[in-house]
Amino acid sequence: MQAQPEAGDLVRDTATGRVGFYVDRVGGRFVIRPVRGGLEWHAEPADVQLATPLRELRARAAEINARSRRGWGT
């Protein structure tokens, strides 16, 4: 990745194919939170790229849907 993402940016880990929200940088690695919740994972910065607009739209919709199912509201 050329520029470091900001907290909340949707990113794709090309090493695993997973998509999630960038949280922080710890020990030289990126911390990423899965879109639908769950355990965060760490990724090498070189393996992380910003998600495409369409992928971001789908991911954000999935997050809103997951929150509404858990009763968190929007």
N, C-alpha and C. Protein backbone atom coordinates (compact mmCIF):
# COMPACT_ATOMS: atom_id res chain seq x y z
N MET A 1 0.85 -1.17 0.00
CA MET A 1 0.00 0.00 0.00
C MET A 1 0.89 1.23 0.00
N GLN A 2 0.54 2.21 -0.80
CA GLN A 2 1.38 3.39 -0.92
C GLN A 2 1.21 4.35 0.26
N ALA A 3 -0.01 4.65 0.64
CA ALA A 3 -0.26 5.55 1.75
C ALA A 3 -0.94 4.78 2.88
N GLN A 4 -0.61 5.16 4.11
CA GLN A 4 -1.24 4.49 5.24
C GLN A 4 -2.71 4.89 5.30
N PRO A 5 -3.60 3.91 5.46
CA PRO A 5 -5.03 4.25 5.58
C PRO A 5 -5.31 4.94 6.90
N GLU A 6 -6.47 5.56 6.97
CA GLU A 6 -6.92 6.19 8.20
C GLU A 6 -7.90 5.26 8.91
N ALA A 7 -8.03 5.43 10.21
CA ALA A 7 -8.96 4.59 10.98
C ALA A 7 -10.34 4.64 10.35
N GLY A 8 -10.92 3.47 10.14
CA GLY A 8 -12.24 3.36 9.55
C GLY A 8 -12.25 3.12 8.06
N ASP A 9 -11.09 3.29 7.39
CA ASP A 9 -11.03 3.01 5.96
C ASP A 9 -11.21 1.52 5.71
N LEU A 10 -11.96 1.19 4.68
CA LEU A 10 -12.13 -0.21 4.30
C LEU A 10 -10.92 -0.63 3.48
N VAL A 11 -10.31 -1.74 3.86
CA VAL A 11 -9.12 -2.23 3.17
C VAL A 11 -9.27 -3.72 2.84
N ARG A 12 -8.44 -4.16 1.92
CA ARG A 12 -8.41 -5.57 1.54
C ARG A 12 -7.01 -6.10 1.82
N ASP A 13 -6.95 -7.23 2.51
CA ASP A 13 -5.69 -7.93 2.78
C ASP A 13 -5.48 -8.88 1.62
N THR A 14 -4.57 -8.55 0.72
CA THR A 14 -4.38 -9.35 -0.48
C THR A 14 -3.77 -10.72 -0.18
N ALA A 15 -3.12 -10.85 0.97
CA ALA A 15 -2.52 -12.15 1.33
C ALA A 15 -3.60 -13.17 1.67
N THR A 16 -4.72 -12.70 2.23
CA THR A 16 -5.78 -13.62 2.65
C THR A 16 -7.08 -13.43 1.87
N GLY A 17 -7.21 -12.29 1.19
CA GLY A 17 -8.44 -11.98 0.47
C GLY A 17 -9.53 -11.41 1.37
N ARG A 18 -9.22 -11.24 2.64
CA ARG A 18 -10.21 -10.71 3.59
C ARG A 18 -10.34 -9.20 3.46
N VAL A 19 -11.54 -8.72 3.78
CA VAL A 19 -11.83 -7.29 3.75
C VAL A 19 -12.26 -6.86 5.14
N GLY A 20 -11.78 -5.70 5.58
CA GLY A 20 -12.16 -5.20 6.89
C GLY A 20 -11.82 -3.74 7.02
N PHE A 21 -12.08 -3.21 8.21
CA PHE A 21 -11.83 -1.80 8.49
C PHE A 21 -10.48 -1.64 9.19
N TYR A 22 -9.67 -0.72 8.66
CA TYR A 22 -8.38 -0.44 9.26
C TYR A 22 -8.59 0.17 10.64
N VAL A 23 -7.86 -0.34 11.64
CA VAL A 23 -7.98 0.14 13.01
C VAL A 23 -6.75 0.95 13.42
N ASP A 24 -5.56 0.36 13.25
CA ASP A 24 -4.34 1.00 13.75
C ASP A 24 -3.14 0.27 13.19
N ARG A 25 -1.98 0.80 13.51
CA ARG A 25 -0.71 0.15 13.16
C ARG A 25 -0.02 -0.19 14.46
N VAL A 26 0.31 -1.47 14.64
CA VAL A 26 0.95 -1.94 15.87
C VAL A 26 2.14 -2.82 15.49
N GLY A 27 3.30 -2.46 16.01
CA GLY A 27 4.49 -3.26 15.74
C GLY A 27 4.81 -3.41 14.27
N GLY A 28 4.51 -2.39 13.49
CA GLY A 28 4.83 -2.44 12.06
C GLY A 28 3.79 -3.14 11.21
N ARG A 29 2.75 -3.67 11.83
CA ARG A 29 1.69 -4.37 11.08
C ARG A 29 0.37 -3.62 11.25
N PHE A 30 -0.51 -3.78 10.27
CA PHE A 30 -1.83 -3.16 10.34
C PHE A 30 -2.78 -4.05 11.11
N VAL A 31 -3.64 -3.43 11.92
CA VAL A 31 -4.69 -4.14 12.63
C VAL A 31 -5.98 -3.88 11.86
N ILE A 32 -6.69 -4.95 11.49
CA ILE A 32 -7.90 -4.85 10.68
C ILE A 32 -9.05 -5.55 11.38
N ARG A 33 -10.21 -4.88 11.41
CA ARG A 33 -11.41 -5.42 12.04
C ARG A 33 -12.34 -5.96 10.96
N PRO A 34 -12.81 -7.19 11.08
CA PRO A 34 -13.73 -7.74 10.09
C PRO A 34 -15.00 -6.90 9.97
N VAL A 35 -15.55 -6.84 8.79
CA VAL A 35 -16.74 -6.04 8.53
C VAL A 35 -17.91 -6.47 9.41
N ARG A 36 -18.12 -7.76 9.54
CA ARG A 36 -19.26 -8.25 10.31
C ARG A 36 -18.93 -8.54 11.77
N GLY A 37 -17.81 -8.03 12.23
CA GLY A 37 -17.41 -8.25 13.61
C GLY A 37 -16.54 -9.49 13.73
N GLY A 38 -16.10 -9.76 14.91
CA GLY A 38 -15.22 -10.90 15.14
C GLY A 38 -13.84 -10.42 15.53
N LEU A 39 -12.92 -11.36 15.54
CA LEU A 39 -11.55 -11.06 15.96
C LEU A 39 -10.80 -10.26 14.91
N GLU A 40 -10.09 -9.25 15.38
CA GLU A 40 -9.24 -8.47 14.49
C GLU A 40 -8.06 -9.32 14.05
N TRP A 41 -7.46 -8.97 12.94
CA TRP A 41 -6.26 -9.67 12.50
C TRP A 41 -5.20 -8.65 12.11
N HIS A 42 -3.97 -9.12 12.01
CA HIS A 42 -2.84 -8.28 11.65
C HIS A 42 -2.40 -8.62 10.23
N ALA A 43 -1.99 -7.59 9.50
CA ALA A 43 -1.55 -7.79 8.12
C ALA A 43 -0.31 -6.95 7.85
N GLU A 44 0.50 -7.44 6.96
CA GLU A 44 1.67 -6.69 6.53
C GLU A 44 1.21 -5.52 5.67
N PRO A 45 1.75 -4.31 5.90
CA PRO A 45 1.33 -3.15 5.11
C PRO A 45 1.44 -3.36 3.60
N ALA A 46 2.43 -4.10 3.15
CA ALA A 46 2.60 -4.34 1.71
C ALA A 46 1.46 -5.17 1.13
N ASP A 47 0.74 -5.90 1.99
CA ASP A 47 -0.36 -6.77 1.54
C ASP A 47 -1.72 -6.09 1.62
N VAL A 48 -1.76 -4.82 2.03
CA VAL A 48 -3.03 -4.14 2.26
C VAL A 48 -3.25 -3.05 1.23
N GLN A 49 -4.47 -3.02 0.68
CA GLN A 49 -4.83 -1.97 -0.27
C GLN A 49 -6.22 -1.46 0.06
N LEU A 50 -6.47 -0.19 -0.28
CA LEU A 50 -7.80 0.36 -0.07
C LEU A 50 -8.79 -0.40 -0.93
N ALA A 51 -9.98 -0.63 -0.39
CA ALA A 51 -11.01 -1.35 -1.12
C ALA A 51 -11.61 -0.46 -2.20
N THR A 52 -12.15 -1.10 -3.23
CA THR A 52 -12.81 -0.35 -4.30
C THR A 52 -14.10 0.26 -3.76
N PRO A 53 -14.62 1.31 -4.39
CA PRO A 53 -15.87 1.92 -3.92
C PRO A 53 -17.03 0.93 -3.83
N LEU A 54 -17.17 0.03 -4.79
CA LEU A 54 -18.26 -0.94 -4.75
C LEU A 54 -18.09 -1.90 -3.57
N ARG A 55 -16.89 -2.37 -3.36
CA ARG A 55 -16.63 -3.27 -2.24
C ARG A 55 -16.89 -2.54 -0.91
N GLU A 56 -16.52 -1.26 -0.86
CA GLU A 56 -16.76 -0.50 0.36
C GLU A 56 -18.26 -0.34 0.61
N LEU A 57 -19.02 -0.04 -0.42
CA LEU A 57 -20.47 0.11 -0.26
C LEU A 57 -21.09 -1.18 0.25
N ARG A 58 -20.71 -2.30 -0.32
CA ARG A 58 -21.24 -3.59 0.12
C ARG A 58 -20.86 -3.88 1.57
N ALA A 59 -19.63 -3.59 1.92
CA ALA A 59 -19.16 -3.88 3.28
C ALA A 59 -19.87 -3.01 4.30
N ARG A 60 -20.05 -1.75 3.99
CA ARG A 60 -20.72 -0.85 4.94
C ARG A 60 -22.19 -1.24 5.09
N ALA A 61 -22.84 -1.66 4.00
CA ALA A 61 -24.22 -2.13 4.09
C ALA A 61 -24.30 -3.39 4.95
N ALA A 62 -23.34 -4.29 4.79
CA ALA A 62 -23.31 -5.52 5.60
C ALA A 62 -23.13 -5.19 7.07
N GLU A 63 -22.29 -4.19 7.36
CA GLU A 63 -22.07 -3.81 8.76
C GLU A 63 -23.35 -3.23 9.36
N ILE A 64 -24.05 -2.39 8.62
CA ILE A 64 -25.31 -1.81 9.11
C ILE A 64 -26.34 -2.91 9.34
N ASN A 65 -26.44 -3.84 8.41
CA ASN A 65 -27.39 -4.95 8.56
C ASN A 65 -27.06 -5.80 9.78
N ALA A 66 -25.77 -6.07 9.99
CA ALA A 66 -25.36 -6.88 11.15
C ALA A 66 -25.70 -6.16 12.44
N ARG A 67 -25.50 -4.85 12.49
CA ARG A 67 -25.83 -4.08 13.69
C ARG A 67 -27.32 -4.11 13.96
N SER A 68 -28.13 -3.98 12.91
CA SER A 68 -29.58 -3.96 13.11
C SER A 68 -30.07 -5.32 13.62
N ARG A 69 -29.46 -6.40 13.18
CA ARG A 69 -29.84 -7.73 13.66
C ARG A 69 -29.49 -7.92 15.11
N ARG A 70 -28.42 -7.24 15.56
CA ARG A 70 -28.01 -7.34 16.97
C ARG A 70 -28.75 -6.33 17.83
N GLY A 71 -29.56 -5.48 17.22
CA GLY A 71 -30.33 -4.50 17.98
C GLY A 71 -29.54 -3.26 18.36
N TRP A 72 -28.45 -2.97 17.66
CA TRP A 72 -27.62 -1.82 17.97
C TRP A 72 -28.12 -0.55 17.33
N GLY A 73 -29.05 -0.67 16.42
CA GLY A 73 -29.52 0.51 15.69
C GLY A 73 -28.54 0.89 14.61
N THR A 74 -28.72 2.06 14.04
CA THR A 74 -27.85 2.51 12.95
C THR A 74 -27.00 3.68 13.35
